[in-house]
Amino acid sequence: MSRLNSSASGSTALFGSICVLLSAVLFAIKAILIKYTYQLSPDADAVTVLALRMMSALPFFLAIAVLSKAPIKSTTWRDWSLLLFAGFIGYYLASILDFMGLMYVSASLERIILFLYPTLTVLASAAIYRQKINGHTWLAILLSYGGTLVVVFGEGWQALHANNILLGSSLVFAGAIAYASYLVMTPTLIKRFGSWRFTGLAMSVACIAAIGHYLLVTPQPAQHLLQLPNGVIWYGMALGFFSTVLPATLLMQGIARIGSAQAALISAGGPILTLLLAVAFLGEHLNLIQWIGCALNITGVLMITLMPKKTGMPKKPVPAPTAPSMENLT
């Protein structure tokens, strides 16, 4: 009997690990697809591409929200207000800032900056709950931010100004801050709505906000879409399914089977995979100093993500978010 249980447990862990690995791979191609889409047409700007992505993803997330089991606890108007705010801030605002940043920075640099969001969550939680951060955590934060600065400034001061790299980096970092703010609200909302239903509802809010943004700023939205090259439409749809819905689902399935810590460890190779894909398909490159910065960034973030004790959190433990990470949704 114990052998059967052990075999079942091993199969569950293997399946969970494969889900997380596939999720990381699918996310790794997100920035590549966005950069390709931008190159196809001058009309394919951040607002348009994000709207295409969300249009294709919205039906799936609405289905998740409708089909998910309703929570046992009754929800109040305050819960719904907070969910609307969380979906707008965490998934729409973070995404549009990220897409705008990718108009100026490389896919490699964007991924490294986004990878900072766990450290931002720790800082936000510590500030809200007024808890001290220990030396181990400060070292991790120093390594992650120091490494990111090494990557950014490794381009050279003149290149930073000439190519608007500082502007693009600031936009991506602002997106990471928006998502970290959302993560602080996530545990309470997941308790109220359930992880699947919360994800479906919050993402639906973000999709509607992105589509609404496009309709407001585009004079003739339908005609504008019809004039776009077919490649832009197909890439937008691919972003919606293969780099949003599918990785989000796979990640949640993986976390449910192997836990968030193991999932974080497997996903840690995501930035490196994005860098390699950017070199292979976009012709991007990093110098030796920037690769060292990448290593420092990943080391620092892993120190935060895999900490056995969550310093800076309230005395009563807050459950780790089981919603999809920013890496799969922004």
Protein backbone atom coordinates (compact mmCIF):
# COMPACT_ATOMS: atom_id res chain seq x y z
CA MET A 1 0.00 0.00 0.00
CA SER A 2 2.83 2.38 0.88
CA ARG A 3 4.46 1.65 -2.47
CA LEU A 4 1.26 2.57 -4.27
CA ASN A 5 0.98 5.80 -2.30
CA SER A 6 4.63 6.61 -2.99
CA SER A 7 4.16 5.91 -6.70
CA ALA A 8 1.05 8.09 -6.86
CA SER A 9 2.83 10.86 -4.98
CA GLY A 10 5.78 10.65 -7.36
CA SER A 11 3.51 10.81 -10.40
CA THR A 12 1.69 13.81 -8.97
CA ALA A 13 4.96 15.63 -8.31
CA LEU A 14 6.25 14.80 -11.80
CA PHE A 15 3.07 16.05 -13.44
CA GLY A 16 3.16 19.22 -11.33
CA SER A 17 6.80 19.86 -12.22
CA ILE A 18 6.07 19.40 -15.93
CA CYS A 19 3.16 21.86 -15.67
CA VAL A 20 5.35 24.52 -14.05
CA LEU A 21 8.17 23.93 -16.55
CA LEU A 22 5.81 24.28 -19.52
CA SER A 23 4.37 27.41 -17.93
CA ALA A 24 7.87 28.91 -17.66
CA VAL A 25 8.64 28.05 -21.29
CA LEU A 26 5.39 29.59 -22.54
CA PHE A 27 6.04 32.74 -20.56
CA ALA A 28 9.56 32.94 -21.92
CA ILE A 29 8.19 33.46 -25.43
CA LYS A 30 5.84 36.28 -24.34
CA ALA A 31 8.29 39.16 -24.75
CA ILE A 32 9.59 37.62 -27.98
CA LEU A 33 6.09 37.58 -29.48
CA ILE A 34 5.45 41.17 -28.37
CA LYS A 35 8.68 42.43 -29.94
CA TYR A 36 7.89 40.59 -33.17
CA THR A 37 4.41 42.13 -33.23
CA TYR A 38 5.79 45.64 -32.79
CA GLN A 39 8.07 45.08 -35.79
CA LEU A 40 5.22 44.07 -38.11
CA SER A 41 3.42 47.42 -38.23
CA PRO A 42 3.81 50.96 -36.84
CA ASP A 43 0.10 50.74 -35.91
CA ALA A 44 0.82 47.83 -33.58
CA ASP A 45 1.43 49.88 -30.44
CA ALA A 46 1.22 48.78 -26.81
CA VAL A 47 -2.49 49.58 -26.41
CA THR A 48 -3.46 47.73 -29.60
CA VAL A 49 -1.36 44.63 -28.94
CA LEU A 50 -2.56 44.37 -25.33
CA ALA A 51 -6.18 44.74 -26.48
CA LEU A 52 -5.73 41.92 -29.02
CA ARG A 53 -4.21 39.74 -26.33
CA MET A 54 -7.05 40.41 -23.90
CA MET A 55 -9.76 39.99 -26.55
CA SER A 56 -8.59 36.45 -27.23
CA ALA A 57 -8.14 35.65 -23.52
CA LEU A 58 -11.42 37.10 -22.21
CA PRO A 59 -13.73 34.20 -23.24
CA PHE A 60 -11.51 31.69 -21.43
CA PHE A 61 -11.35 33.70 -18.20
CA LEU A 62 -15.09 34.36 -18.24
CA ALA A 63 -15.61 30.60 -18.57
CA ILE A 64 -13.26 29.98 -15.61
CA ALA A 65 -15.16 32.53 -13.50
CA VAL A 66 -18.57 31.05 -14.37
CA LEU A 67 -17.64 27.38 -14.07
CA SER A 68 -15.57 27.69 -10.90
CA LYS A 69 -17.15 26.57 -7.65
CA ALA A 70 -18.77 29.40 -5.74
CA PRO A 71 -17.14 30.21 -2.36
CA ILE A 72 -18.70 28.94 0.84
CA LYS A 73 -18.37 32.33 2.53
CA SER A 74 -20.68 35.09 1.39
CA THR A 75 -18.99 38.02 -0.34
CA THR A 76 -19.71 41.66 0.42
CA TRP A 77 -19.68 44.77 -1.75
CA ARG A 78 -16.30 45.56 -0.20
CA ASP A 79 -14.91 42.24 -1.45
CA TRP A 80 -16.17 42.95 -4.95
CA SER A 81 -14.79 46.48 -4.89
CA LEU A 82 -11.41 45.19 -3.82
CA LEU A 83 -11.50 42.52 -6.55
CA LEU A 84 -12.26 45.16 -9.20
CA PHE A 85 -9.39 47.29 -7.92
CA ALA A 86 -7.04 44.29 -7.80
CA GLY A 87 -7.88 43.23 -11.36
CA PHE A 88 -7.40 46.77 -12.64
CA ILE A 89 -4.12 47.44 -10.81
CA GLY A 90 -2.53 44.01 -10.88
CA TYR A 91 -3.38 42.76 -14.34
CA TYR A 92 -4.42 45.72 -16.51
CA LEU A 93 -2.19 48.53 -15.24
CA ALA A 94 0.82 46.26 -14.75
CA SER A 95 0.34 44.81 -18.24
CA ILE A 96 -0.04 48.11 -20.10
CA LEU A 97 3.04 49.55 -18.37
CA ASP A 98 4.98 46.41 -19.28
CA PHE A 99 3.86 46.52 -22.92
CA MET A 100 4.75 50.22 -23.15
CA GLY A 101 8.16 49.53 -21.65
CA LEU A 102 8.84 46.83 -24.25
CA MET A 103 8.59 49.49 -26.94
CA TYR A 104 11.92 50.84 -25.63
CA VAL A 105 13.82 48.04 -23.88
CA SER A 106 14.95 44.62 -24.97
CA ALA A 107 13.05 41.47 -24.08
CA SER A 108 16.05 40.41 -21.99
CA LEU A 109 16.08 43.54 -19.83
CA GLU A 110 12.29 43.51 -19.44
CA ARG A 111 12.35 39.99 -18.01
CA ILE A 112 15.12 40.80 -15.54
CA ILE A 113 13.24 43.86 -14.24
CA LEU A 114 9.94 41.96 -13.94
CA PHE A 115 11.71 39.27 -11.95
CA LEU A 116 12.05 41.79 -9.10
CA TYR A 117 8.37 41.63 -8.12
CA PRO A 118 8.82 39.16 -5.19
CA THR A 119 11.21 41.61 -3.50
CA LEU A 120 8.73 44.44 -4.03
CA THR A 121 6.02 42.32 -2.41
CA VAL A 122 8.21 41.72 0.64
CA LEU A 123 8.95 45.45 0.99
CA ALA A 124 5.25 46.36 0.61
CA SER A 125 4.17 43.75 3.15
CA ALA A 126 6.82 44.89 5.63
CA ALA A 127 5.66 48.50 5.29
CA ILE A 128 1.97 47.64 5.69
CA TYR A 129 2.40 45.30 8.66
CA ARG A 130 5.23 47.37 10.20
CA GLN A 131 7.55 44.39 10.56
CA LYS A 132 11.33 44.52 10.52
CA ILE A 133 13.22 42.91 7.62
CA ASN A 134 16.16 40.73 8.68
CA GLY A 135 19.69 40.80 7.30
CA HIS A 136 19.17 37.80 5.03
CA THR A 137 16.28 39.53 3.29
CA TRP A 138 18.15 42.84 2.95
CA LEU A 139 21.06 40.97 1.35
CA ALA A 140 18.68 39.32 -1.11
CA ILE A 141 17.14 42.68 -1.99
CA LEU A 142 20.57 44.25 -2.42
CA LEU A 143 21.68 41.45 -4.76
CA SER A 144 18.52 41.56 -6.86
CA TYR A 145 18.41 45.34 -7.31
CA GLY A 146 22.17 45.63 -7.66
CA GLY A 147 22.14 42.98 -10.36
CA THR A 148 19.33 44.72 -12.22
CA LEU A 149 21.18 48.04 -12.15
CA VAL A 150 24.27 46.29 -13.52
CA VAL A 151 22.20 44.97 -16.44
CA VAL A 152 20.59 48.37 -17.12
CA PHE A 153 23.73 50.48 -16.92
CA GLY A 154 25.77 47.84 -18.71
CA GLU A 155 24.34 49.31 -21.92
CA GLY A 156 26.43 52.43 -21.41
CA TRP A 157 25.31 55.91 -20.39
CA GLN A 158 24.96 57.26 -23.94
CA ALA A 159 22.89 54.28 -25.08
CA LEU A 160 20.56 54.70 -22.10
CA HIS A 161 19.59 58.20 -23.20
CA ALA A 162 19.73 57.73 -26.97
CA ASN A 163 17.46 54.67 -26.99
CA ASN A 164 15.07 55.68 -24.17
CA ILE A 165 16.21 52.66 -22.16
CA LEU A 166 15.77 54.50 -18.87
CA LEU A 167 12.20 55.40 -19.82
CA GLY A 168 11.39 51.84 -20.85
CA SER A 169 13.01 50.39 -17.73
CA SER A 170 11.04 52.80 -15.55
CA LEU A 171 7.76 51.77 -17.20
CA VAL A 172 8.47 48.06 -16.71
CA PHE A 173 9.52 48.66 -13.10
CA ALA A 174 6.33 50.65 -12.49
CA GLY A 175 4.41 47.64 -13.81
CA ALA A 176 6.24 45.41 -11.34
CA ILE A 177 5.29 47.79 -8.51
CA ALA A 178 1.63 47.69 -9.61
CA TYR A 179 1.63 43.91 -9.54
CA ALA A 180 3.41 43.74 -6.18
CA SER A 181 0.69 46.00 -4.75
CA TYR A 182 -1.89 43.58 -6.08
CA LEU A 183 -0.11 40.59 -4.55
CA VAL A 184 -0.48 42.07 -1.09
CA MET A 185 -4.27 41.99 -1.56
CA THR A 186 -4.36 38.52 -3.09
CA PRO A 187 -4.51 36.20 -0.02
CA THR A 188 -7.69 37.82 1.36
CA LEU A 189 -9.39 37.77 -2.03
CA ILE A 190 -8.49 34.14 -2.67
CA LYS A 191 -10.04 33.23 0.69
CA ARG A 192 -13.23 35.02 -0.29
CA PHE A 193 -13.61 33.92 -3.91
CA GLY A 194 -11.44 30.79 -4.27
CA SER A 195 -8.28 30.72 -6.39
CA TRP A 196 -9.85 29.70 -9.71
CA ARG A 197 -12.87 31.99 -9.47
CA PHE A 198 -10.73 34.89 -8.28
CA THR A 199 -8.33 34.43 -11.21
CA GLY A 200 -11.18 34.25 -13.72
CA LEU A 201 -12.89 37.34 -12.31
CA ALA A 202 -9.77 39.46 -11.84
CA MET A 203 -8.46 38.63 -15.29
CA SER A 204 -11.85 39.36 -16.83
CA VAL A 205 -11.76 42.81 -15.22
CA ALA A 206 -8.29 43.37 -16.69
CA CYS A 207 -9.38 42.18 -20.13
CA ILE A 208 -12.39 44.50 -20.17
CA ALA A 209 -10.23 47.43 -18.99
CA ALA A 210 -7.65 46.80 -21.74
CA ILE A 211 -10.33 46.54 -24.43
CA GLY A 212 -12.04 49.68 -23.08
CA HIS A 213 -8.73 51.56 -23.16
CA TYR A 214 -8.28 50.62 -26.81
CA LEU A 215 -11.81 51.72 -27.72
CA LEU A 216 -11.38 55.07 -25.95
CA VAL A 217 -8.07 56.09 -27.53
CA THR A 218 -8.63 54.70 -31.04
CA PRO A 219 -10.83 56.95 -33.27
CA GLN A 220 -12.14 54.12 -35.48
CA PRO A 221 -11.29 50.93 -33.59
CA ALA A 222 -13.00 48.44 -35.92
CA GLN A 223 -11.44 49.95 -39.02
CA HIS A 224 -8.08 50.13 -37.28
CA LEU A 225 -8.19 46.40 -36.51
CA LEU A 226 -9.15 45.55 -40.10
CA GLN A 227 -6.19 47.55 -41.41
CA LEU A 228 -3.68 45.69 -39.27
CA PRO A 229 -1.54 43.02 -40.97
CA ASN A 230 -2.78 39.48 -40.41
CA GLY A 231 0.44 38.69 -38.57
CA VAL A 232 -0.38 41.25 -35.88
CA ILE A 233 -3.79 39.65 -35.30
CA TRP A 234 -2.32 36.14 -35.12
CA TYR A 235 0.45 37.18 -32.74
CA GLY A 236 -2.10 38.96 -30.55
CA MET A 237 -4.22 35.82 -30.38
CA ALA A 238 -1.16 33.71 -29.64
CA LEU A 239 -0.28 36.05 -26.76
CA GLY A 240 -3.79 35.67 -25.37
CA PHE A 241 -3.85 31.88 -25.33
CA PHE A 242 -0.27 30.59 -25.29
CA SER A 243 1.25 33.32 -23.09
CA THR A 244 -1.73 34.10 -20.84
CA VAL A 245 -4.48 31.51 -20.46
CA LEU A 246 -2.46 28.32 -20.92
CA PRO A 247 0.54 29.20 -18.70
CA ALA A 248 -1.78 30.58 -16.00
CA THR A 249 -3.68 27.29 -15.94
CA LEU A 250 -0.53 25.17 -16.00
CA LEU A 251 1.08 27.18 -13.20
CA MET A 252 -1.93 26.80 -10.92
CA GLN A 253 -2.05 23.07 -11.59
CA GLY A 254 1.65 22.82 -10.83
CA ILE A 255 1.48 24.81 -7.58
CA ALA A 256 -1.44 22.68 -6.40
CA ARG A 257 0.72 19.56 -6.79
CA ILE A 258 4.26 20.58 -5.78
CA GLY A 259 3.82 23.79 -3.77
CA SER A 260 4.83 27.38 -4.46
CA ALA A 261 8.45 27.02 -3.29
CA GLN A 262 9.26 24.17 -5.66
CA ALA A 263 7.38 25.91 -8.44
CA ALA A 264 9.45 29.06 -7.87
CA LEU A 265 12.65 27.04 -8.08
CA ILE A 266 11.63 25.48 -11.40
CA SER A 267 10.50 28.84 -12.77
CA ALA A 268 13.82 30.47 -11.84
CA GLY A 269 15.28 29.40 -15.17
CA GLY A 270 12.64 31.46 -16.99
CA PRO A 271 14.69 34.67 -17.27
CA ILE A 272 17.68 32.77 -18.65
CA LEU A 273 15.42 31.05 -21.19
CA THR A 274 14.03 34.43 -22.27
CA LEU A 275 17.56 35.77 -22.66
CA LEU A 276 18.57 32.82 -24.83
CA LEU A 277 15.45 33.11 -26.98
CA ALA A 278 16.01 36.86 -27.37
CA VAL A 279 19.56 36.19 -28.57
CA ALA A 280 18.40 33.46 -30.98
CA PHE A 281 15.32 35.14 -32.47
CA LEU A 282 15.73 38.90 -31.91
CA GLY A 283 19.48 39.26 -32.22
CA GLU A 284 19.79 40.74 -28.72
CA HIS A 285 22.97 40.32 -26.74
CA LEU A 286 24.34 40.98 -23.27
CA ASN A 287 27.95 41.63 -22.40
CA LEU A 288 29.81 39.78 -19.65
CA ILE A 289 29.07 42.41 -17.02
CA GLN A 290 25.35 42.22 -17.80
CA TRP A 291 25.36 38.42 -17.51
CA ILE A 292 26.92 38.82 -14.06
CA GLY A 293 24.11 41.25 -13.21
CA CYS A 294 21.55 38.65 -14.34
CA ALA A 295 23.11 36.07 -12.03
CA LEU A 296 22.98 38.49 -9.08
CA ASN A 297 19.35 39.33 -9.81
CA ILE A 298 18.23 35.70 -9.99
CA THR A 299 20.19 34.78 -6.85
CA GLY A 300 18.62 37.60 -4.85
CA VAL A 301 15.08 36.84 -6.00
CA LEU A 302 15.48 33.14 -5.22
CA MET A 303 16.71 34.02 -1.73
CA ILE A 304 13.45 35.90 -1.23
CA THR A 305 11.16 33.39 -2.92
CA LEU A 306 12.53 30.28 -1.21
CA MET A 307 12.85 31.68 2.31
CA PRO A 308 11.45 29.15 4.82
CA LYS A 309 10.19 31.96 7.05
CA LYS A 310 8.51 35.03 5.63
CA THR A 311 10.16 37.90 7.44
CA GLY A 312 8.31 41.15 7.27
CA MET A 313 4.90 39.48 7.34
CA PRO A 314 2.38 39.68 10.16
CA LYS A 315 2.66 37.30 13.11
CA LYS A 316 -0.35 35.41 11.87
CA PRO A 317 0.84 33.72 8.65
CA VAL A 318 -0.70 34.94 5.44
CA PRO A 319 -1.26 32.17 2.89
CA ALA A 320 0.93 32.33 -0.17
CA PRO A 321 -0.90 33.50 -3.29
CA THR A 322 -1.99 30.69 -5.56
CA ALA A 323 -3.07 32.94 -8.39
CA PRO A 324 -0.86 32.94 -11.49
CA SER A 325 2.29 35.00 -11.13
CA MET A 326 2.94 38.21 -12.96
CA GLU A 327 5.37 36.41 -15.21
CA ASN A 328 2.52 34.66 -16.95
CA LEU A 329 -0.01 37.45 -17.09
CA THR A 330 1.67 40.80 -17.69
